[in-house]
């Protein structure tokens, strides 16, 4: 089982107030990539005393501490996800905003091949695909 955001905060020495614990818990339980407004809506259902400013500050703190990563997908608000060791790419539905995480070994090999072709060693990459869901 992977570490929760709360456990990562403790390991990195990030002080956890009760409000930060709630924000960490909600982010850990998120299966999507919420923006700050979505995160605020979720945490305020648990504790309506948490302000949007607190959510913004906490997300920024978690990002600066290497616990969350920020994505600025085309045409939308910044979205956040837990920073994990494993690499993955994203497929974004431009109509619904749904984000699908995926790993494709053929794409990984092709990226290395392209870097090699141009005389580079690939050290990092980010792949974002944008699409519209096909009608069934």
Protein backbone atom coordinates (compact mmCIF):
# COMPACT_ATOMS: atom_id res chain seq x y z
CA UNK A 1 0.00 0.00 0.00
CA UNK A 2 1.35 3.41 -0.92
CA UNK A 3 1.90 6.23 1.52
CA UNK A 4 -0.91 8.70 2.07
CA UNK A 5 -0.30 12.41 1.62
CA UNK A 6 -0.51 12.79 5.41
CA UNK A 7 2.26 10.20 5.85
CA UNK A 8 4.39 11.96 3.22
CA UNK A 9 3.90 15.27 5.05
CA UNK A 10 5.06 13.73 8.31
CA UNK A 11 8.08 12.13 6.62
CA UNK A 12 9.05 15.50 5.09
CA UNK A 13 8.51 17.45 8.31
CA UNK A 14 5.48 19.38 7.04
CA UNK A 15 3.42 20.56 10.01
CA UNK A 16 -0.13 19.23 9.81
CA UNK A 17 -2.88 21.31 11.36
CA UNK A 18 -6.34 19.73 11.59
CA UNK A 19 -7.36 21.61 8.44
CA UNK A 20 -4.27 20.46 6.53
CA UNK A 21 -5.01 16.88 7.62
CA UNK A 22 -8.47 17.11 6.07
CA UNK A 23 -7.06 18.56 2.84
CA UNK A 24 -4.39 15.82 2.75
CA UNK A 25 -7.02 13.13 3.35
CA UNK A 26 -9.30 14.43 0.60
CA UNK A 27 -6.40 14.65 -1.87
CA UNK A 28 -5.26 11.12 -0.95
CA UNK A 29 -8.76 9.81 -1.62
CA UNK A 30 -9.13 11.68 -4.93
CA UNK A 31 -9.20 9.48 -8.00
CA UNK A 32 -9.18 12.49 -10.31
CA UNK A 33 -6.99 15.58 -10.61
CA UNK A 34 -8.98 18.24 -8.74
CA UNK A 35 -8.40 21.95 -9.13
CA UNK A 36 -8.39 24.11 -5.99
CA UNK A 37 -12.10 24.96 -6.31
CA UNK A 38 -13.06 21.28 -6.56
CA UNK A 39 -10.81 20.46 -3.62
CA UNK A 40 -12.32 23.30 -1.59
CA UNK A 41 -15.85 22.01 -2.30
CA UNK A 42 -14.87 18.55 -1.06
CA UNK A 43 -13.09 19.68 2.12
CA UNK A 44 -15.78 22.20 3.04
CA UNK A 45 -18.29 19.32 3.20
CA UNK A 46 -16.12 17.85 5.97
CA UNK A 47 -15.26 21.13 7.71
CA UNK A 48 -17.06 24.26 6.55
CA UNK A 49 -14.61 26.45 8.51
CA UNK A 50 -11.83 25.74 6.00
CA UNK A 51 -11.47 28.77 3.72
CA UNK A 52 -10.53 28.68 0.06
CA UNK A 53 -7.40 30.66 1.00
CA UNK A 54 -6.37 27.84 3.36
CA UNK A 55 -6.83 25.32 0.54
CA UNK A 56 -4.71 27.46 -1.82
CA UNK A 57 -1.94 27.88 0.78
CA UNK A 58 -1.97 24.18 1.68
CA UNK A 59 -1.86 23.02 -1.93
CA UNK A 60 1.06 25.39 -2.56
CA UNK A 61 2.86 24.09 0.54
CA UNK A 62 2.32 20.46 -0.52
CA UNK A 63 3.54 21.27 -4.03
CA UNK A 64 6.66 23.06 -2.74
CA UNK A 65 7.34 20.10 -0.43
CA UNK A 66 7.27 17.62 -3.33
CA UNK A 67 4.05 15.96 -2.19
CA UNK A 68 1.68 17.20 -4.91
CA UNK A 69 2.37 18.02 -8.51
CA UNK A 70 0.64 20.73 -10.49
CA UNK A 71 -0.67 20.19 -14.01
CA UNK A 72 -1.65 23.08 -16.22
CA UNK A 73 -3.56 21.24 -18.89
CA UNK A 74 -4.53 23.27 -21.93
CA UNK A 75 -7.68 25.35 -21.59
CA UNK A 76 -8.37 24.83 -17.92
CA UNK A 77 -7.46 25.56 -14.33
CA UNK A 78 -4.37 24.14 -12.69
CA UNK A 79 -5.07 20.62 -11.42
CA UNK A 80 -3.22 18.65 -8.78
CA UNK A 81 -2.31 15.07 -8.10
CA UNK A 82 -0.17 13.25 -5.60
CA UNK A 83 3.44 13.08 -6.72
CA UNK A 84 4.34 9.43 -7.16
CA UNK A 85 7.53 7.73 -8.20
CA UNK A 86 5.90 5.97 -11.14
CA UNK A 87 5.70 7.74 -14.49
CA UNK A 88 2.43 8.06 -16.39
CA UNK A 89 0.96 10.14 -19.18
CA UNK A 90 -2.42 11.83 -19.48
CA UNK A 91 -5.34 11.67 -21.92
CA UNK A 92 -7.67 14.65 -21.40
CA UNK A 93 -11.25 14.76 -22.67
CA UNK A 94 -11.64 18.34 -23.94
CA UNK A 95 -15.42 18.28 -23.50
CA UNK A 96 -15.87 16.68 -20.07
CA UNK A 97 -12.47 17.45 -18.54
CA UNK A 98 -12.02 13.78 -17.60
CA UNK A 99 -8.35 12.87 -17.21
CA UNK A 100 -7.16 9.33 -17.85
CA UNK A 101 -3.72 8.28 -16.64
CA UNK A 102 -1.95 5.67 -18.72
CA UNK A 103 1.40 4.04 -19.40
CA UNK A 104 2.13 2.70 -22.87
CA UNK A 105 5.43 0.88 -23.41
CA UNK A 106 5.32 1.48 -27.19
CA UNK A 107 5.13 5.24 -26.64
CA UNK A 108 7.97 5.07 -24.09
CA UNK A 109 10.17 3.17 -26.57
CA UNK A 110 9.28 5.56 -29.41
CA UNK A 111 10.24 8.60 -27.33
CA UNK A 112 13.65 7.07 -26.56
CA UNK A 113 14.09 6.20 -30.23
CA UNK A 114 13.36 9.80 -31.27
CA UNK A 115 15.83 11.16 -28.70
CA UNK A 116 18.49 8.68 -29.89
CA UNK A 117 17.85 9.64 -33.52
CA UNK A 118 18.69 13.26 -32.72
CA UNK A 119 21.66 12.40 -30.50
CA UNK A 120 20.03 12.87 -27.11
CA UNK A 121 19.63 10.82 -23.97
CA UNK A 122 16.08 11.22 -22.76
CA UNK A 123 16.03 12.36 -19.11
CA UNK A 124 12.37 13.30 -18.70
CA UNK A 125 9.20 13.89 -20.63
CA UNK A 126 5.57 14.83 -20.28
CA UNK A 127 2.89 13.61 -22.64
CA UNK A 128 -0.60 15.08 -22.72
CA UNK A 129 -3.08 13.86 -25.30
CA UNK A 130 -6.30 15.80 -25.87
CA UNK A 131 -9.36 14.20 -27.38
CA UNK A 132 -13.11 13.82 -27.61
CA UNK A 133 -14.71 10.55 -26.60
CA UNK A 134 -15.98 8.53 -29.56
CA UNK A 135 -19.66 7.73 -29.67
CA UNK A 136 -20.32 4.07 -28.93
